[in-house]
N, C-alpha and C. Protein backbone atom coordinates (compact mmCIF):
# COMPACT_ATOMS: atom_id res chain seq x y z
N UNK A 1 -4.48 -11.96 -0.13
CA UNK A 1 -3.05 -11.42 -0.34
C UNK A 1 -2.32 -10.90 0.94
N UNK A 2 -3.39 -10.30 1.56
CA UNK A 2 -2.76 -9.88 2.94
C UNK A 2 -2.24 -10.88 3.78
N UNK A 3 -2.96 -12.06 3.79
CA UNK A 3 -2.68 -13.24 4.66
C UNK A 3 -1.00 -13.80 4.25
N UNK A 4 -0.93 -13.86 3.03
CA UNK A 4 0.27 -14.42 2.43
C UNK A 4 1.49 -13.44 2.77
N UNK A 5 1.11 -12.07 2.63
CA UNK A 5 2.09 -11.32 3.06
C UNK A 5 2.81 -11.39 4.25
N UNK A 6 2.09 -12.03 5.26
CA UNK A 6 2.39 -12.12 6.70
C UNK A 6 2.85 -13.72 6.82
N UNK A 7 2.82 -14.35 5.82
CA UNK A 7 3.24 -15.88 5.89
C UNK A 7 2.03 -16.97 5.92
N UNK A 8 1.05 -16.45 6.02
CA UNK A 8 -0.10 -17.46 6.18
C UNK A 8 -0.84 -17.57 4.76
N UNK A 9 -1.23 -18.88 4.55
CA UNK A 9 -1.71 -19.28 3.14
C UNK A 9 -3.24 -18.53 2.99
N UNK A 10 -3.37 -18.24 1.82
CA UNK A 10 -4.54 -17.49 1.77
C UNK A 10 -5.70 -18.50 0.91
N UNK A 11 -6.53 -17.72 0.50
CA UNK A 11 -7.85 -18.61 -0.15
C UNK A 11 -7.28 -18.50 -1.63
N UNK A 12 -6.83 -17.54 -2.12
CA UNK A 12 -6.43 -17.53 -3.81
C UNK A 12 -5.03 -18.01 -4.06
N UNK A 13 -4.21 -17.99 -2.92
CA UNK A 13 -2.85 -17.99 -3.07
C UNK A 13 -2.45 -19.22 -2.28
N UNK A 14 -1.63 -20.31 -2.69
CA UNK A 14 -1.49 -21.40 -1.94
C UNK A 14 0.18 -21.37 -1.76
N UNK A 15 0.54 -21.93 -0.59
CA UNK A 15 1.91 -22.11 -0.38
C UNK A 15 2.58 -23.34 -0.75
N UNK A 16 3.58 -23.49 -1.54
CA UNK A 16 4.03 -24.68 -1.93
C UNK A 16 4.91 -25.27 -0.93
N UNK A 17 5.09 -26.41 -0.64
CA UNK A 17 5.95 -27.14 0.44
C UNK A 17 7.44 -26.68 -0.05
N UNK A 18 8.27 -26.53 1.02
CA UNK A 18 9.70 -26.25 0.81
C UNK A 18 10.54 -27.44 0.24
N UNK A 19 11.16 -27.27 -0.64
CA UNK A 19 12.06 -28.48 -1.10
C UNK A 19 13.13 -28.92 0.00
N UNK A 20 13.65 -27.80 0.67
CA UNK A 20 14.72 -28.05 1.64
C UNK A 20 14.32 -27.05 2.72
N UNK A 21 14.92 -27.33 3.99
CA UNK A 21 14.62 -26.39 5.20
C UNK A 21 15.18 -24.97 4.60
N UNK A 22 16.18 -24.87 3.80
CA UNK A 22 17.00 -23.54 3.34
C UNK A 22 16.38 -23.06 2.01
N UNK A 23 15.29 -23.81 1.51
CA UNK A 23 14.93 -23.33 0.17
C UNK A 23 14.14 -22.11 0.26
N UNK A 24 13.75 -21.79 -0.97
CA UNK A 24 12.98 -20.36 -1.13
C UNK A 24 11.68 -20.73 -1.28
N UNK A 25 10.82 -20.15 -0.52
CA UNK A 25 9.37 -20.46 -0.50
C UNK A 25 8.57 -20.04 -1.76
N UNK A 26 7.81 -21.06 -2.26
CA UNK A 26 7.14 -20.71 -3.41
C UNK A 26 5.78 -20.53 -3.34
N UNK A 27 4.93 -19.72 -4.19
CA UNK A 27 3.52 -19.55 -4.00
C UNK A 27 3.02 -19.87 -5.41
N UNK A 28 1.76 -20.36 -5.38
CA UNK A 28 1.18 -20.85 -6.58
C UNK A 28 -0.48 -20.09 -6.44
N UNK A 29 -0.79 -19.34 -7.40
CA UNK A 29 -2.33 -18.71 -7.64
C UNK A 29 -3.20 -19.84 -8.12
N UNK A 30 -4.35 -19.76 -7.82
CA UNK A 30 -5.23 -20.68 -8.05
C UNK A 30 -5.67 -20.45 -9.60
N UNK A 31 -6.24 -21.15 -10.21
CA UNK A 31 -6.59 -21.00 -11.48
C UNK A 31 -7.88 -20.41 -11.43
N UNK A 32 -8.12 -19.29 -12.64
CA UNK A 32 -9.42 -18.77 -12.74
C UNK A 32 -9.37 -17.13 -12.12
N UNK A 33 -8.01 -16.65 -11.77
CA UNK A 33 -7.80 -15.41 -11.47
C UNK A 33 -7.76 -14.52 -12.64
N UNK A 34 -8.24 -13.19 -12.70
CA UNK A 34 -8.13 -12.30 -13.65
C UNK A 34 -6.69 -12.30 -14.15
N UNK A 35 -6.54 -12.09 -15.44
CA UNK A 35 -5.15 -11.99 -15.81
C UNK A 35 -4.34 -10.60 -15.17
N UNK A 36 -5.21 -9.62 -15.19
CA UNK A 36 -4.66 -8.37 -14.93
C UNK A 36 -4.38 -8.44 -13.28
N UNK A 37 -5.24 -9.02 -12.62
CA UNK A 37 -4.97 -9.16 -11.01
C UNK A 37 -3.89 -10.18 -10.87
N UNK A 38 -4.02 -11.25 -11.71
CA UNK A 38 -2.82 -12.27 -11.46
C UNK A 38 -1.33 -11.57 -11.77
N UNK A 39 -1.19 -10.87 -12.88
CA UNK A 39 -0.09 -10.15 -13.14
C UNK A 39 0.40 -9.13 -11.98
N UNK A 40 -0.34 -8.64 -11.30
CA UNK A 40 -0.15 -7.65 -10.14
C UNK A 40 0.10 -8.52 -8.92
N UNK A 41 -0.38 -9.58 -8.69
CA UNK A 41 -0.18 -10.48 -7.51
C UNK A 41 1.02 -11.05 -7.86
N UNK A 42 1.54 -11.52 -8.96
CA UNK A 42 2.65 -11.92 -9.17
C UNK A 42 3.77 -11.14 -9.10
N UNK A 43 3.75 -9.73 -9.12
CA UNK A 43 4.68 -8.95 -8.69
C UNK A 43 4.89 -8.54 -7.34
N UNK A 44 3.87 -8.89 -6.63
CA UNK A 44 3.96 -8.90 -5.17
C UNK A 44 4.43 -9.98 -4.23
N UNK A 45 4.17 -11.23 -4.84
CA UNK A 45 4.53 -12.54 -4.48
C UNK A 45 6.01 -12.80 -4.04
N UNK A 46 7.08 -12.00 -4.83
CA UNK A 46 8.49 -12.15 -4.35
C UNK A 46 8.78 -11.53 -2.98
N UNK A 47 7.95 -10.68 -2.53
CA UNK A 47 8.07 -9.96 -1.20
C UNK A 47 7.66 -10.90 -0.37
N UNK A 48 6.75 -11.93 -0.61
CA UNK A 48 6.48 -13.08 0.29
C UNK A 48 7.34 -13.85 0.55
N UNK A 49 8.16 -14.11 -0.62
CA UNK A 49 9.22 -15.11 -0.53
C UNK A 49 10.35 -14.80 0.42
N UNK A 50 10.52 -13.43 0.15
CA UNK A 50 11.75 -12.71 0.76
C UNK A 50 11.37 -12.65 2.29
N UNK A 51 10.17 -12.39 2.72
CA UNK A 51 9.73 -12.34 4.04
C UNK A 51 9.87 -13.74 4.65
N UNK A 52 9.51 -14.73 3.95
CA UNK A 52 9.72 -16.01 4.34
C UNK A 52 11.15 -16.35 4.69
N UNK A 53 12.25 -16.02 3.88
CA UNK A 53 13.46 -16.39 4.19
C UNK A 53 13.91 -15.53 5.47
N UNK A 54 13.51 -14.26 5.65
CA UNK A 54 13.98 -13.44 6.60
C UNK A 54 13.44 -13.89 7.99
N UNK A 55 12.18 -14.39 7.84
CA UNK A 55 11.68 -14.74 9.47
C UNK A 55 12.18 -16.13 9.83
N UNK A 56 12.58 -16.91 8.63
CA UNK A 56 13.02 -18.39 9.12
C UNK A 56 14.56 -18.05 9.49
N UNK A 57 15.10 -17.12 8.94
CA UNK A 57 16.81 -16.66 9.54
C UNK A 57 16.66 -16.35 10.89
N UNK A 58 15.72 -15.44 11.27
CA UNK A 58 15.45 -15.03 12.55
C UNK A 58 15.01 -16.08 13.46
N UNK A 59 14.50 -17.14 13.05
CA UNK A 59 14.09 -18.12 14.04
C UNK A 59 15.13 -18.82 14.37
N UNK A 60 16.10 -19.11 13.39
CA UNK A 60 17.36 -20.04 13.45
C UNK A 60 18.57 -19.11 14.15
N UNK A 61 18.72 -17.80 14.03
CA UNK A 61 19.78 -17.03 14.33
C UNK A 61 19.77 -16.23 15.57
N UNK A 62 18.64 -16.11 16.31
CA UNK A 62 18.50 -15.37 17.49
C UNK A 62 19.14 -16.08 18.83
N UNK A 63 19.37 -17.24 18.49
CA UNK A 63 19.89 -18.14 19.79
C UNK A 63 21.29 -17.64 20.09
N UNK A 64 21.67 -17.90 21.43
CA UNK A 64 22.85 -17.39 21.99
C UNK A 64 24.05 -18.12 21.11
N UNK A 65 23.76 -19.27 20.82
CA UNK A 65 24.88 -20.02 20.01
C UNK A 65 25.21 -19.57 18.66
N UNK A 66 24.25 -18.65 18.38
CA UNK A 66 24.65 -17.83 16.86
C UNK A 66 25.72 -16.84 16.87
N UNK A 67 26.07 -16.41 17.93
CA UNK A 67 26.94 -15.35 18.11
C UNK A 67 26.55 -13.98 18.26
N UNK A 68 27.37 -12.93 18.86
CA UNK A 68 26.87 -11.76 19.02
C UNK A 68 26.46 -10.95 17.74
N UNK A 69 27.14 -11.14 16.44
CA UNK A 69 26.96 -10.45 15.31
C UNK A 69 25.65 -10.79 14.58
N UNK A 70 25.29 -12.03 14.72
CA UNK A 70 24.10 -12.60 14.21
C UNK A 70 22.88 -12.04 15.24
N UNK A 71 23.15 -12.11 16.51
CA UNK A 71 22.13 -11.40 17.33
C UNK A 71 21.81 -9.81 17.13
N UNK A 72 22.92 -9.10 16.98
CA UNK A 72 22.80 -7.72 16.42
C UNK A 72 22.02 -7.53 15.22
N UNK A 73 22.54 -8.35 14.26
CA UNK A 73 21.80 -8.29 12.93
C UNK A 73 20.22 -8.66 13.07
N UNK A 74 20.07 -9.62 13.92
CA UNK A 74 18.66 -10.05 14.13
C UNK A 74 17.91 -8.91 14.78
N UNK A 75 18.38 -8.12 15.54
CA UNK A 75 17.65 -7.07 16.41
C UNK A 75 17.14 -6.18 15.52
N UNK A 76 18.32 -5.76 14.57
CA UNK A 76 18.08 -4.59 13.48
C UNK A 76 17.03 -5.17 12.64
N UNK A 77 17.06 -6.39 12.18
CA UNK A 77 16.21 -6.94 11.31
C UNK A 77 14.76 -6.85 11.99
N UNK A 78 14.53 -7.19 13.20
CA UNK A 78 13.28 -7.23 13.79
C UNK A 78 12.72 -5.78 14.00
N UNK A 79 13.43 -4.76 14.09
CA UNK A 79 12.91 -3.61 14.02
C UNK A 79 12.32 -3.26 12.60
N UNK A 80 12.83 -3.84 11.51
CA UNK A 80 12.20 -3.61 10.14
C UNK A 80 10.97 -4.43 9.98
N UNK A 81 11.09 -5.71 10.65
CA UNK A 81 9.84 -6.49 10.46
C UNK A 81 8.82 -6.01 11.30
N UNK A 82 8.84 -5.32 12.35
CA UNK A 82 7.92 -4.48 12.93
C UNK A 82 7.29 -3.44 12.17
N UNK A 83 8.10 -2.61 11.65
CA UNK A 83 7.50 -1.65 10.77
C UNK A 83 6.93 -2.21 9.51
N UNK A 84 7.12 -3.34 8.88
CA UNK A 84 6.40 -4.17 7.89
C UNK A 84 4.94 -4.70 8.43
N UNK A 85 5.18 -5.00 9.57
CA UNK A 85 3.81 -5.66 10.25
C UNK A 85 2.84 -4.60 10.48
N UNK A 86 3.39 -3.50 11.01
CA UNK A 86 2.51 -2.32 11.18
C UNK A 86 1.89 -1.81 9.69
N UNK A 87 2.88 -1.71 8.78
CA UNK A 87 2.15 -1.41 7.43
C UNK A 87 1.17 -2.35 6.91
N UNK A 88 1.30 -3.63 7.25
CA UNK A 88 0.03 -4.62 6.71
C UNK A 88 -1.05 -4.58 7.65
N UNK A 89 -0.73 -4.20 8.88
CA UNK A 89 -1.98 -4.04 9.80
C UNK A 89 -2.71 -2.65 9.22
N UNK A 90 -1.92 -1.70 8.76
CA UNK A 90 -2.73 -0.47 8.10
C UNK A 90 -3.31 -0.90 6.87
N UNK A 91 -2.83 -1.47 6.17
CA UNK A 91 -3.59 -2.11 4.79
C UNK A 91 -4.67 -3.07 5.18
N UNK A 92 -4.69 -3.91 6.14
CA UNK A 92 -5.86 -4.57 6.64
C UNK A 92 -6.92 -3.78 7.14
N UNK A 93 -6.56 -2.55 7.65
CA UNK A 93 -7.75 -1.67 8.21
C UNK A 93 -8.27 -0.98 7.06
N UNK A 94 -7.52 -0.68 6.11
CA UNK A 94 -8.21 -0.01 5.10
C UNK A 94 -9.01 -1.00 4.26
N UNK A 95 -8.56 -2.10 4.23
CA UNK A 95 -9.31 -3.20 3.56
C UNK A 95 -10.79 -3.44 4.11
N UNK A 96 -10.66 -3.59 5.43
CA UNK A 96 -11.90 -3.50 6.40
C UNK A 96 -12.72 -2.47 6.05
N UNK A 97 -12.22 -1.35 5.94
CA UNK A 97 -13.15 -0.02 5.73
C UNK A 97 -13.64 0.06 4.20
N UNK A 98 -13.09 -0.87 3.33
CA UNK A 98 -13.41 -0.97 1.91
C UNK A 98 -12.64 -0.01 1.19
N UNK A 99 -11.61 0.52 1.46
CA UNK A 99 -10.76 1.68 0.92
C UNK A 99 -9.55 1.09 0.15
N UNK A 100 -9.40 -0.25 0.22
CA UNK A 100 -8.06 -0.72 -0.36
C UNK A 100 -8.28 -1.47 -1.68
N UNK A 101 -7.48 -1.18 -2.60
CA UNK A 101 -7.55 -1.62 -3.94
C UNK A 101 -6.26 -2.50 -4.22
N UNK A 102 -6.13 -3.48 -4.90
CA UNK A 102 -4.88 -3.92 -5.18
C UNK A 102 -3.77 -3.07 -5.83
N UNK A 103 -4.20 -2.06 -6.84
CA UNK A 103 -3.12 -0.99 -7.19
C UNK A 103 -2.56 -0.08 -5.90
N UNK A 104 -3.67 0.20 -5.04
CA UNK A 104 -3.25 0.95 -3.87
C UNK A 104 -2.16 0.18 -2.87
N UNK A 105 -2.45 -1.17 -2.66
CA UNK A 105 -1.67 -2.00 -2.02
C UNK A 105 -0.18 -2.05 -2.83
N UNK A 106 -0.15 -2.06 -3.90
CA UNK A 106 1.11 -2.24 -4.83
C UNK A 106 1.77 -0.94 -4.41
N UNK A 107 1.15 0.23 -4.67
CA UNK A 107 1.86 1.44 -4.41
C UNK A 107 2.64 1.63 -3.02
N UNK A 108 1.87 1.06 -1.82
CA UNK A 108 2.28 1.06 -0.55
C UNK A 108 3.51 0.10 -0.14
N UNK A 109 3.50 -0.97 -0.97
CA UNK A 109 4.58 -1.94 -0.54
C UNK A 109 5.64 -1.91 -1.36
N UNK A 110 5.74 -1.14 -2.25
CA UNK A 110 6.99 -1.03 -3.24
C UNK A 110 8.18 -0.68 -2.63
N UNK A 111 8.12 0.14 -1.47
CA UNK A 111 9.58 0.37 -0.83
C UNK A 111 9.81 -0.95 0.13
N UNK A 112 8.78 -1.73 0.41
CA UNK A 112 9.17 -2.92 1.27
C UNK A 112 9.79 -3.95 0.43
N UNK A 113 9.49 -4.01 -1.04
CA UNK A 113 10.25 -5.15 -1.74
C UNK A 113 11.74 -4.93 -1.82
N UNK A 114 12.03 -3.68 -2.16
CA UNK A 114 13.52 -3.55 -2.18
C UNK A 114 14.18 -3.83 -0.75
N UNK A 115 13.59 -3.24 0.23
CA UNK A 115 14.10 -3.48 1.65
C UNK A 115 14.30 -5.06 1.88
N UNK A 116 13.02 -5.80 1.71
CA UNK A 116 13.14 -7.33 1.81
C UNK A 116 14.02 -8.18 0.81
N UNK A 117 14.31 -7.45 -0.15
CA UNK A 117 15.13 -8.27 -1.18
C UNK A 117 16.54 -8.08 -0.65
N UNK A 118 16.90 -6.99 -0.12
CA UNK A 118 18.37 -6.79 0.39
C UNK A 118 18.36 -7.78 1.70
N UNK A 119 17.30 -7.64 2.74
CA UNK A 119 17.53 -8.41 3.59
C UNK A 119 17.56 -10.01 3.41
N UNK A 120 16.62 -10.31 2.42
CA UNK A 120 16.81 -11.79 2.10
C UNK A 120 18.06 -12.27 1.49
N UNK A 121 18.73 -11.33 0.82
CA UNK A 121 20.15 -11.46 0.21
C UNK A 121 21.06 -11.71 1.32
N UNK A 122 20.94 -10.92 2.26
CA UNK A 122 21.92 -10.95 3.50
C UNK A 122 21.67 -12.26 4.24
N UNK A 123 20.36 -12.65 4.50
CA UNK A 123 19.86 -14.05 5.37
C UNK A 123 19.95 -15.12 4.36
N UNK A 124 20.16 -14.89 3.27
CA UNK A 124 20.00 -16.22 2.36
C UNK A 124 20.75 -17.29 3.13
N UNK A 125 19.94 -18.32 3.30
CA UNK A 125 20.49 -19.48 4.05
C UNK A 125 21.62 -20.26 3.29
N UNK A 126 22.64 -20.50 4.08
CA UNK A 126 23.76 -21.16 3.63
C UNK A 126 23.76 -22.47 4.41
N UNK A 127 23.49 -23.49 3.80
CA UNK A 127 23.38 -25.00 4.42
C UNK A 127 24.83 -25.64 4.75
N UNK A 128 25.16 -25.61 6.05
CA UNK A 128 26.46 -26.04 6.35
C UNK A 128 26.02 -27.61 6.73
N UNK A 129 26.02 -28.40 5.82
CA UNK A 129 25.70 -29.68 6.06
C UNK A 129 24.26 -29.98 6.73
N UNK A 130 23.40 -28.97 6.23
CA UNK A 130 21.93 -28.81 6.75
C UNK A 130 21.80 -28.64 8.11
N UNK A 131 22.75 -28.05 8.88
CA UNK A 131 22.70 -27.95 10.29
C UNK A 131 22.27 -26.46 10.83
N UNK A 132 22.71 -25.45 10.12
CA UNK A 132 22.34 -24.04 10.63
C UNK A 132 22.36 -23.09 9.49
N UNK A 133 21.83 -21.81 9.67
CA UNK A 133 21.99 -20.83 8.88
C UNK A 133 23.06 -19.94 9.21
N UNK A 134 23.50 -19.18 8.24
CA UNK A 134 24.48 -18.09 8.43
C UNK A 134 24.37 -16.92 7.50
N UNK A 135 24.77 -15.91 7.82
CA UNK A 135 24.98 -14.66 6.87
C UNK A 135 25.77 -15.06 5.57
N UNK A 136 24.92 -14.79 4.45
CA UNK A 136 25.67 -15.16 3.12
C UNK A 136 27.04 -14.55 3.06
N UNK A 137 28.09 -15.47 2.80
CA UNK A 137 29.44 -15.07 2.70
C UNK A 137 29.80 -13.71 1.90
N UNK A 138 29.12 -13.57 0.91
CA UNK A 138 29.43 -12.46 0.13
C UNK A 138 29.00 -11.40 0.50
N UNK A 139 28.06 -11.27 1.57
CA UNK A 139 27.53 -10.07 2.12
C UNK A 139 28.34 -9.44 3.38
N UNK A 140 29.28 -10.17 3.50
CA UNK A 140 30.07 -9.54 4.46
C UNK A 140 30.97 -8.10 4.33
N UNK A 141 30.80 -7.79 3.06
CA UNK A 141 31.42 -6.38 2.89
C UNK A 141 30.28 -5.26 2.37
N UNK A 142 30.63 -4.12 2.69
CA UNK A 142 29.62 -3.21 2.51
C UNK A 142 29.47 -2.86 0.88
N UNK A 143 30.62 -3.19 0.36
CA UNK A 143 30.58 -3.05 -1.15
C UNK A 143 29.74 -3.89 -1.90
N UNK A 144 29.36 -5.29 -1.43
CA UNK A 144 28.45 -6.07 -2.01
C UNK A 144 27.09 -5.59 -1.85
N UNK A 145 26.87 -4.93 -0.46
CA UNK A 145 25.39 -4.68 -0.13
C UNK A 145 25.21 -3.13 -1.08
N UNK A 146 26.18 -2.44 -1.36
CA UNK A 146 25.78 -1.30 -2.17
C UNK A 146 25.62 -1.83 -3.64
N UNK A 147 26.38 -2.68 -4.15
CA UNK A 147 26.16 -3.20 -5.63
C UNK A 147 24.80 -3.77 -5.74
N UNK A 148 24.16 -4.52 -4.86
CA UNK A 148 22.73 -4.99 -5.09
C UNK A 148 21.49 -4.17 -5.01
N UNK A 149 21.83 -2.96 -4.27
CA UNK A 149 20.83 -2.00 -4.07
C UNK A 149 20.64 -1.22 -5.15
């Protein structure tokens, strides 16, 4: 699960292929997981989808041709991504020491889920004839951002 949180396919959770370059990434749990564990994992997987959308937006929108507003947005998002990666590294360290349970991981990443949901909504790809990503048109007002939070 720690691998999937950073965009790498794991042993028990598989990454399904994207239907389009702008599509939402989906994940599949292998059969045979305990139902209790599978339920908690399915609550965590939306964070992985949001992380995928945000990182793909960053990959395509940090170019000079994307404009200064997108570049400034990407710089702010990169700061949040850095904090997220630090959290995942701390979780991995706890796992290595044998002190991390799935419930403890859920407790630590709950704040990230809401943050990445808002970021994914802002960065939700808008296909312009399949050529580029842009900020979701409804997200251009602060009223919309406050309504989804």
